[in-house]
Amino acid sequence: MSDPQPVPLDDQLCFSLYAASIAINRLYKPMLDEMGITYPQYLVLSAIAEQREMTIGAIAERLSLESSTVTPPVKRLEQAGLVERQRGKTDERQVHVRLTDAGRTLIQESRCLGDTLMERSGMTSAQFQSFNRQVQAFLDTLVRNP
């Protein structure tokens, strides 16, 4: 009896998503370098920008990370003057984070990332948004049905 042939990587969705993520990071890196931030810092800033203020725990939850993973980039963003951290008034264990004016400006400048990605994809805006919704729905299904 012969061994079954392995499924080629290009036929595995997990590899396609992994390779796409790496390609996106490579595309973003020069632009992020110019802005003086890393990709994880960009994600943290983007999460905070959605809510105006978030706790470290809420940022971690939004990014599907542990709080201990979020704290170092937040500290570096604070040192760069892009966010402010403040202990909670009612619960000092909670650390609230909000964008500074410089952080809000940087988030506006970072719109070039998505614009560049859409342009490089060759998709129309509607196709790009539809594809993103499909990926989000796929992710939501995986998270709901572990």
N, C-alpha and C. Protein backbone atom coordinates (compact mmCIF):
# COMPACT_ATOMS: atom_id res chain seq x y z
N MET A 1 0.85 -1.16 0.00
CA MET A 1 0.00 0.00 0.00
C MET A 1 0.90 1.24 0.00
N SER A 2 0.62 2.18 -0.89
CA SER A 2 1.44 3.39 -0.99
C SER A 2 0.92 4.47 -0.04
N ASP A 3 1.87 5.31 0.38
CA ASP A 3 1.49 6.44 1.23
C ASP A 3 0.71 7.45 0.42
N PRO A 4 -0.35 8.03 1.01
CA PRO A 4 -1.07 9.08 0.28
C PRO A 4 -0.17 10.30 0.10
N GLN A 5 -0.35 10.96 -1.00
CA GLN A 5 0.45 12.15 -1.29
C GLN A 5 0.01 13.29 -0.37
N PRO A 6 0.97 14.05 0.14
CA PRO A 6 0.58 15.19 0.98
C PRO A 6 -0.14 16.24 0.13
N VAL A 7 -0.98 17.00 0.79
CA VAL A 7 -1.69 18.08 0.10
C VAL A 7 -0.67 19.20 -0.18
N PRO A 8 -0.54 19.61 -1.43
CA PRO A 8 0.40 20.70 -1.74
C PRO A 8 0.06 21.96 -0.94
N LEU A 9 1.09 22.67 -0.53
CA LEU A 9 0.88 23.88 0.26
C LEU A 9 -0.09 24.85 -0.41
N ASP A 10 0.03 25.02 -1.72
CA ASP A 10 -0.83 25.97 -2.42
C ASP A 10 -2.31 25.57 -2.39
N ASP A 11 -2.59 24.34 -2.02
CA ASP A 11 -3.97 23.88 -1.90
C ASP A 11 -4.48 23.94 -0.46
N GLN A 12 -3.65 24.46 0.46
CA GLN A 12 -4.03 24.55 1.85
C GLN A 12 -4.34 26.01 2.21
N LEU A 13 -5.57 26.24 2.62
CA LEU A 13 -5.99 27.60 2.96
C LEU A 13 -5.12 28.20 4.05
N CYS A 14 -4.74 27.39 5.03
CA CYS A 14 -3.92 27.91 6.13
C CYS A 14 -2.61 28.51 5.59
N PHE A 15 -2.02 27.85 4.60
CA PHE A 15 -0.77 28.38 4.03
C PHE A 15 -1.03 29.64 3.22
N SER A 16 -2.11 29.66 2.47
CA SER A 16 -2.44 30.85 1.68
C SER A 16 -2.64 32.07 2.57
N LEU A 17 -3.36 31.89 3.69
CA LEU A 17 -3.57 33.00 4.62
C LEU A 17 -2.26 33.42 5.29
N TYR A 18 -1.44 32.44 5.65
CA TYR A 18 -0.15 32.73 6.27
C TYR A 18 0.74 33.51 5.30
N ALA A 19 0.84 33.04 4.07
CA ALA A 19 1.68 33.71 3.07
C ALA A 19 1.15 35.10 2.75
N ALA A 20 -0.17 35.26 2.70
CA ALA A 20 -0.77 36.58 2.45
C ALA A 20 -0.44 37.53 3.59
N SER A 21 -0.50 37.04 4.82
CA SER A 21 -0.17 37.87 5.98
C SER A 21 1.28 38.34 5.92
N ILE A 22 2.18 37.46 5.55
CA ILE A 22 3.59 37.83 5.43
C ILE A 22 3.77 38.86 4.32
N ALA A 23 3.09 38.66 3.20
CA ALA A 23 3.19 39.61 2.07
C ALA A 23 2.67 40.99 2.47
N ILE A 24 1.59 41.02 3.22
CA ILE A 24 1.03 42.30 3.68
C ILE A 24 2.03 43.00 4.61
N ASN A 25 2.61 42.23 5.53
CA ASN A 25 3.60 42.82 6.44
C ASN A 25 4.79 43.38 5.67
N ARG A 26 5.24 42.68 4.65
CA ARG A 26 6.37 43.19 3.84
C ARG A 26 5.98 44.46 3.09
N LEU A 27 4.75 44.51 2.61
CA LEU A 27 4.26 45.70 1.91
C LEU A 27 4.18 46.89 2.87
N TYR A 28 3.68 46.64 4.07
CA TYR A 28 3.50 47.71 5.05
C TYR A 28 4.81 48.20 5.67
N LYS A 29 5.80 47.31 5.79
CA LYS A 29 7.00 47.63 6.56
C LYS A 29 7.68 48.94 6.18
N PRO A 30 7.95 49.23 4.91
CA PRO A 30 8.61 50.50 4.61
C PRO A 30 7.78 51.72 5.03
N MET A 31 6.48 51.62 4.88
CA MET A 31 5.61 52.74 5.27
C MET A 31 5.57 52.89 6.78
N LEU A 32 5.51 51.76 7.50
CA LEU A 32 5.51 51.81 8.96
C LEU A 32 6.85 52.32 9.48
N ASP A 33 7.94 51.89 8.83
CA ASP A 33 9.27 52.38 9.22
C ASP A 33 9.33 53.90 9.09
N GLU A 34 8.76 54.40 8.01
CA GLU A 34 8.75 55.85 7.79
C GLU A 34 7.95 56.57 8.88
N MET A 35 6.90 55.90 9.38
CA MET A 35 6.08 56.47 10.45
C MET A 35 6.71 56.28 11.82
N GLY A 36 7.72 55.40 11.89
CA GLY A 36 8.41 55.17 13.16
C GLY A 36 7.72 54.19 14.08
N ILE A 37 6.87 53.32 13.52
CA ILE A 37 6.18 52.32 14.35
C ILE A 37 6.30 50.95 13.71
N THR A 38 6.02 49.93 14.53
CA THR A 38 6.00 48.55 14.05
C THR A 38 4.57 48.14 13.72
N TYR A 39 4.42 46.99 13.07
CA TYR A 39 3.09 46.50 12.76
C TYR A 39 2.26 46.25 14.03
N PRO A 40 2.81 45.59 15.06
CA PRO A 40 2.01 45.44 16.29
C PRO A 40 1.60 46.79 16.90
N GLN A 41 2.48 47.77 16.85
CA GLN A 41 2.13 49.10 17.36
C GLN A 41 1.02 49.72 16.51
N TYR A 42 1.07 49.52 15.21
CA TYR A 42 0.01 50.01 14.31
C TYR A 42 -1.33 49.39 14.70
N LEU A 43 -1.33 48.09 14.97
CA LEU A 43 -2.58 47.42 15.35
C LEU A 43 -3.12 47.97 16.67
N VAL A 44 -2.23 48.20 17.63
CA VAL A 44 -2.65 48.77 18.92
C VAL A 44 -3.25 50.16 18.71
N LEU A 45 -2.56 50.99 17.95
CA LEU A 45 -3.08 52.34 17.67
C LEU A 45 -4.43 52.28 16.98
N SER A 46 -4.57 51.39 16.03
CA SER A 46 -5.84 51.25 15.30
C SER A 46 -6.97 50.81 16.21
N ALA A 47 -6.67 49.87 17.10
CA ALA A 47 -7.70 49.41 18.05
C ALA A 47 -8.15 50.56 18.95
N ILE A 48 -7.19 51.31 19.48
CA ILE A 48 -7.54 52.43 20.36
C ILE A 48 -8.34 53.48 19.58
N ALA A 49 -7.96 53.73 18.34
CA ALA A 49 -8.64 54.75 17.53
C ALA A 49 -10.12 54.39 17.32
N GLU A 50 -10.45 53.11 17.31
CA GLU A 50 -11.85 52.69 17.15
C GLU A 50 -12.72 53.14 18.32
N GLN A 51 -12.13 53.18 19.52
CA GLN A 51 -12.90 53.44 20.74
C GLN A 51 -12.56 54.76 21.42
N ARG A 52 -11.50 55.41 21.01
CA ARG A 52 -10.98 56.64 21.61
C ARG A 52 -10.21 56.37 22.90
N GLU A 53 -10.64 55.40 23.69
CA GLU A 53 -9.92 55.00 24.90
C GLU A 53 -10.25 53.55 25.18
N MET A 54 -9.24 52.79 25.58
CA MET A 54 -9.43 51.37 25.89
C MET A 54 -8.51 50.98 27.03
N THR A 55 -8.91 49.94 27.75
CA THR A 55 -8.00 49.37 28.73
C THR A 55 -7.04 48.43 28.01
N ILE A 56 -5.93 48.12 28.68
CA ILE A 56 -4.98 47.16 28.13
C ILE A 56 -5.70 45.84 27.83
N GLY A 57 -6.54 45.41 28.75
CA GLY A 57 -7.29 44.16 28.56
C GLY A 57 -8.20 44.20 27.34
N ALA A 58 -8.86 45.33 27.13
CA ALA A 58 -9.76 45.47 25.97
C ALA A 58 -8.96 45.48 24.67
N ILE A 59 -7.80 46.11 24.67
CA ILE A 59 -6.94 46.11 23.47
C ILE A 59 -6.52 44.67 23.18
N ALA A 60 -6.09 43.96 24.22
CA ALA A 60 -5.66 42.57 24.04
C ALA A 60 -6.79 41.72 23.48
N GLU A 61 -7.99 41.90 24.01
CA GLU A 61 -9.14 41.13 23.53
C GLU A 61 -9.44 41.46 22.07
N ARG A 62 -9.41 42.73 21.73
CA ARG A 62 -9.70 43.15 20.35
C ARG A 62 -8.70 42.56 19.36
N LEU A 63 -7.44 42.43 19.79
CA LEU A 63 -6.38 41.91 18.91
C LEU A 63 -6.15 40.41 19.08
N SER A 64 -6.98 39.76 19.89
CA SER A 64 -6.85 38.32 20.17
C SER A 64 -5.46 37.98 20.72
N LEU A 65 -5.01 38.80 21.67
CA LEU A 65 -3.71 38.62 22.29
C LEU A 65 -3.87 38.58 23.81
N GLU A 66 -2.78 38.27 24.50
CA GLU A 66 -2.74 38.33 25.95
C GLU A 66 -2.37 39.76 26.36
N SER A 67 -2.85 40.19 27.52
CA SER A 67 -2.51 41.53 28.01
C SER A 67 -1.01 41.73 28.12
N SER A 68 -0.29 40.68 28.53
CA SER A 68 1.16 40.79 28.68
C SER A 68 1.86 41.03 27.34
N THR A 69 1.22 40.66 26.24
CA THR A 69 1.77 40.89 24.91
C THR A 69 1.52 42.31 24.45
N VAL A 70 0.45 42.92 24.94
CA VAL A 70 0.06 44.26 24.52
C VAL A 70 0.81 45.34 25.29
N THR A 71 1.16 45.07 26.53
CA THR A 71 1.78 46.09 27.37
C THR A 71 3.10 46.64 26.79
N PRO A 72 4.03 45.82 26.31
CA PRO A 72 5.29 46.39 25.77
C PRO A 72 5.08 47.36 24.60
N PRO A 73 4.26 47.01 23.58
CA PRO A 73 4.08 48.01 22.52
C PRO A 73 3.39 49.28 23.00
N VAL A 74 2.48 49.14 23.97
CA VAL A 74 1.81 50.33 24.51
C VAL A 74 2.83 51.23 25.21
N LYS A 75 3.73 50.63 25.96
CA LYS A 75 4.77 51.41 26.64
C LYS A 75 5.65 52.15 25.63
N ARG A 76 6.02 51.46 24.54
CA ARG A 76 6.84 52.11 23.51
C ARG A 76 6.07 53.23 22.81
N LEU A 77 4.78 53.01 22.60
CA LEU A 77 3.95 54.07 22.00
C LEU A 77 3.85 55.27 22.93
N GLU A 78 3.79 55.01 24.23
CA GLU A 78 3.75 56.11 25.19
C GLU A 78 5.08 56.87 25.17
N GLN A 79 6.19 56.16 25.13
CA GLN A 79 7.50 56.81 25.07
C GLN A 79 7.64 57.66 23.81
N ALA A 80 6.98 57.23 22.73
CA ALA A 80 7.03 57.97 21.47
C ALA A 80 6.04 59.13 21.46
N GLY A 81 5.23 59.27 22.51
CA GLY A 81 4.27 60.37 22.59
C GLY A 81 3.00 60.15 21.79
N LEU A 82 2.70 58.89 21.44
CA LEU A 82 1.53 58.59 20.62
C LEU A 82 0.30 58.19 21.43
N VAL A 83 0.53 57.70 22.66
CA VAL A 83 -0.58 57.35 23.55
C VAL A 83 -0.26 57.83 24.95
N GLU A 84 -1.31 57.90 25.76
CA GLU A 84 -1.18 58.20 27.19
C GLU A 84 -1.80 57.04 27.95
N ARG A 85 -1.14 56.64 29.03
CA ARG A 85 -1.68 55.60 29.90
C ARG A 85 -2.07 56.22 31.23
N GLN A 86 -3.16 55.69 31.82
CA GLN A 86 -3.60 56.18 33.12
C GLN A 86 -4.24 55.03 33.87
N ARG A 87 -3.89 54.89 35.12
CA ARG A 87 -4.50 53.88 35.98
C ARG A 87 -5.96 54.22 36.20
N GLY A 88 -6.80 53.20 36.30
CA GLY A 88 -8.22 53.41 36.54
C GLY A 88 -8.46 54.05 37.89
N LYS A 89 -9.43 54.92 37.95
CA LYS A 89 -9.75 55.61 39.21
C LYS A 89 -10.46 54.68 40.19
N THR A 90 -11.34 53.82 39.68
CA THR A 90 -12.07 52.90 40.56
C THR A 90 -11.35 51.57 40.72
N ASP A 91 -10.57 51.18 39.74
CA ASP A 91 -9.82 49.92 39.79
C ASP A 91 -8.42 50.18 39.26
N GLU A 92 -7.47 50.32 40.18
CA GLU A 92 -6.11 50.67 39.77
C GLU A 92 -5.41 49.57 38.99
N ARG A 93 -5.99 48.36 38.97
CA ARG A 93 -5.40 47.28 38.16
C ARG A 93 -5.61 47.54 36.68
N GLN A 94 -6.61 48.30 36.35
CA GLN A 94 -6.89 48.61 34.95
C GLN A 94 -6.06 49.81 34.50
N VAL A 95 -5.48 49.66 33.32
CA VAL A 95 -4.72 50.75 32.72
C VAL A 95 -5.48 51.20 31.48
N HIS A 96 -5.88 52.47 31.47
CA HIS A 96 -6.61 53.04 30.34
C HIS A 96 -5.61 53.70 29.40
N VAL A 97 -5.83 53.51 28.11
CA VAL A 97 -4.93 54.04 27.10
C VAL A 97 -5.74 54.86 26.11
N ARG A 98 -5.23 56.04 25.78
CA ARG A 98 -5.89 56.89 24.77
C ARG A 98 -4.82 57.50 23.87
N LEU A 99 -5.24 57.84 22.66
CA LEU A 99 -4.33 58.46 21.71
C LEU A 99 -4.05 59.90 22.10
N THR A 100 -2.84 60.33 21.85
CA THR A 100 -2.50 61.75 21.97
C THR A 100 -2.83 62.41 20.63
N ASP A 101 -2.67 63.70 20.54
CA ASP A 101 -2.86 64.38 19.25
C ASP A 101 -1.92 63.79 18.20
N ALA A 102 -0.68 63.53 18.60
CA ALA A 102 0.29 62.94 17.66
C ALA A 102 -0.16 61.54 17.22
N GLY A 103 -0.74 60.78 18.13
CA GLY A 103 -1.26 59.45 17.79
C GLY A 103 -2.42 59.52 16.82
N ARG A 104 -3.32 60.49 17.04
CA ARG A 104 -4.45 60.66 16.11
C ARG A 104 -3.95 61.07 14.73
N THR A 105 -2.95 61.93 14.69
CA THR A 105 -2.38 62.35 13.41
C THR A 105 -1.76 61.16 12.69
N LEU A 106 -1.03 60.33 13.43
CA LEU A 106 -0.38 59.16 12.82
C LEU A 106 -1.41 58.18 12.28
N ILE A 107 -2.51 58.00 13.00
CA ILE A 107 -3.56 57.10 12.51
C ILE A 107 -4.13 57.62 11.19
N GLN A 108 -4.31 58.92 11.08
CA GLN A 108 -4.79 59.49 9.81
C GLN A 108 -3.78 59.24 8.69
N GLU A 109 -2.50 59.41 9.01
CA GLU A 109 -1.45 59.16 8.00
C GLU A 109 -1.39 57.69 7.61
N SER A 110 -1.76 56.80 8.51
CA SER A 110 -1.64 55.36 8.24
C SER A 110 -2.70 54.85 7.26
N ARG A 111 -3.62 55.69 6.88
CA ARG A 111 -4.62 55.27 5.88
C ARG A 111 -3.96 54.83 4.59
N CYS A 112 -2.74 55.30 4.35
CA CYS A 112 -2.02 54.92 3.14
C CYS A 112 -1.77 53.41 3.10
N LEU A 113 -1.72 52.76 4.26
CA LEU A 113 -1.47 51.32 4.29
C LEU A 113 -2.60 50.57 3.57
N GLY A 114 -3.81 50.81 4.00
CA GLY A 114 -4.96 50.14 3.37
C GLY A 114 -5.13 50.54 1.92
N ASP A 115 -4.90 51.81 1.64
CA ASP A 115 -5.02 52.27 0.25
C ASP A 115 -4.00 51.57 -0.64
N THR A 116 -2.78 51.44 -0.15
CA THR A 116 -1.73 50.78 -0.92
C THR A 116 -2.05 49.30 -1.11
N LEU A 117 -2.54 48.65 -0.06
CA LEU A 117 -2.89 47.24 -0.16
C LEU A 117 -4.00 47.02 -1.18
N MET A 118 -5.03 47.86 -1.13
CA MET A 118 -6.12 47.71 -2.10
C MET A 118 -5.61 47.93 -3.52
N GLU A 119 -4.79 48.96 -3.70
CA GLU A 119 -4.24 49.24 -5.03
C GLU A 119 -3.42 48.05 -5.54
N ARG A 120 -2.57 47.50 -4.68
CA ARG A 120 -1.71 46.38 -5.08
C ARG A 120 -2.51 45.11 -5.34
N SER A 121 -3.69 45.00 -4.71
CA SER A 121 -4.51 43.80 -4.88
C SER A 121 -5.12 43.71 -6.27
N GLY A 122 -5.27 44.86 -6.92
CA GLY A 122 -5.91 44.88 -8.23
C GLY A 122 -7.43 44.79 -8.15
N MET A 123 -7.96 44.82 -6.95
CA MET A 123 -9.42 44.74 -6.77
C MET A 123 -10.02 46.14 -6.76
N THR A 124 -11.29 46.20 -7.10
CA THR A 124 -12.02 47.45 -6.92
C THR A 124 -12.29 47.61 -5.42
N SER A 125 -12.71 48.77 -5.02
CA SER A 125 -13.03 49.01 -3.61
C SER A 125 -14.13 48.04 -3.15
N ALA A 126 -15.13 47.84 -3.97
CA ALA A 126 -16.23 46.93 -3.60
C ALA A 126 -15.74 45.49 -3.48
N GLN A 127 -14.89 45.06 -4.41
CA GLN A 127 -14.35 43.70 -4.34
C GLN A 127 -13.48 43.52 -3.10
N PHE A 128 -12.68 44.53 -2.81
CA PHE A 128 -11.78 44.48 -1.66
C PHE A 128 -12.59 44.39 -0.36
N GLN A 129 -13.63 45.21 -0.25
CA GLN A 129 -14.48 45.18 0.95
C GLN A 129 -15.22 43.84 1.07
N SER A 130 -15.68 43.31 -0.04
CA SER A 130 -16.37 42.03 -0.03
C SER A 130 -15.43 40.91 0.41
N PHE A 131 -14.21 40.92 -0.11
CA PHE A 131 -13.22 39.92 0.26
C PHE A 131 -12.92 40.02 1.76
N ASN A 132 -12.76 41.23 2.27
CA ASN A 132 -12.50 41.42 3.70
C ASN A 132 -13.66 40.88 4.54
N ARG A 133 -14.89 41.13 4.11
CA ARG A 133 -16.06 40.60 4.85
C ARG A 133 -16.07 39.07 4.84
N GLN A 134 -15.67 38.46 3.72
CA GLN A 134 -15.60 36.99 3.64
C GLN A 134 -14.56 36.44 4.62
N VAL A 135 -13.41 37.07 4.67
CA VAL A 135 -12.36 36.63 5.59
C VAL A 135 -12.83 36.82 7.03
N GLN A 136 -13.49 37.95 7.33
CA GLN A 136 -14.00 38.19 8.69
C GLN A 136 -15.05 37.14 9.06
N ALA A 137 -15.94 36.81 8.13
CA ALA A 137 -16.97 35.80 8.41
C ALA A 137 -16.33 34.44 8.67
N PHE A 138 -15.30 34.11 7.90
CA PHE A 138 -14.57 32.87 8.09
C PHE A 138 -13.93 32.84 9.48
N LEU A 139 -13.28 33.93 9.86
CA LEU A 139 -12.65 34.04 11.18
C LEU A 139 -13.69 33.93 12.28
N ASP A 140 -14.80 34.64 12.14
CA ASP A 140 -15.87 34.60 13.15
C ASP A 140 -16.36 33.17 13.34
N THR A 141 -16.51 32.42 12.26
CA THR A 141 -16.98 31.03 12.34
C THR A 141 -15.96 30.17 13.09
N LEU A 142 -14.69 30.36 12.79
CA LEU A 142 -13.66 29.58 13.49
C LEU A 142 -13.63 29.89 14.98
N VAL A 143 -13.79 31.16 15.33
CA VAL A 143 -13.74 31.57 16.74
C VAL A 143 -14.97 31.06 17.49
N ARG A 144 -16.13 31.09 16.85
CA ARG A 144 -17.38 30.64 17.48
C ARG A 144 -17.42 29.13 17.66
N ASN A 145 -16.74 28.39 16.78
CA ASN A 145 -16.81 26.92 16.79
C ASN A 145 -15.41 26.32 16.98
N PRO A 146 -14.87 26.47 18.18
CA PRO A 146 -13.49 25.97 18.39
C PRO A 146 -13.38 24.46 18.29
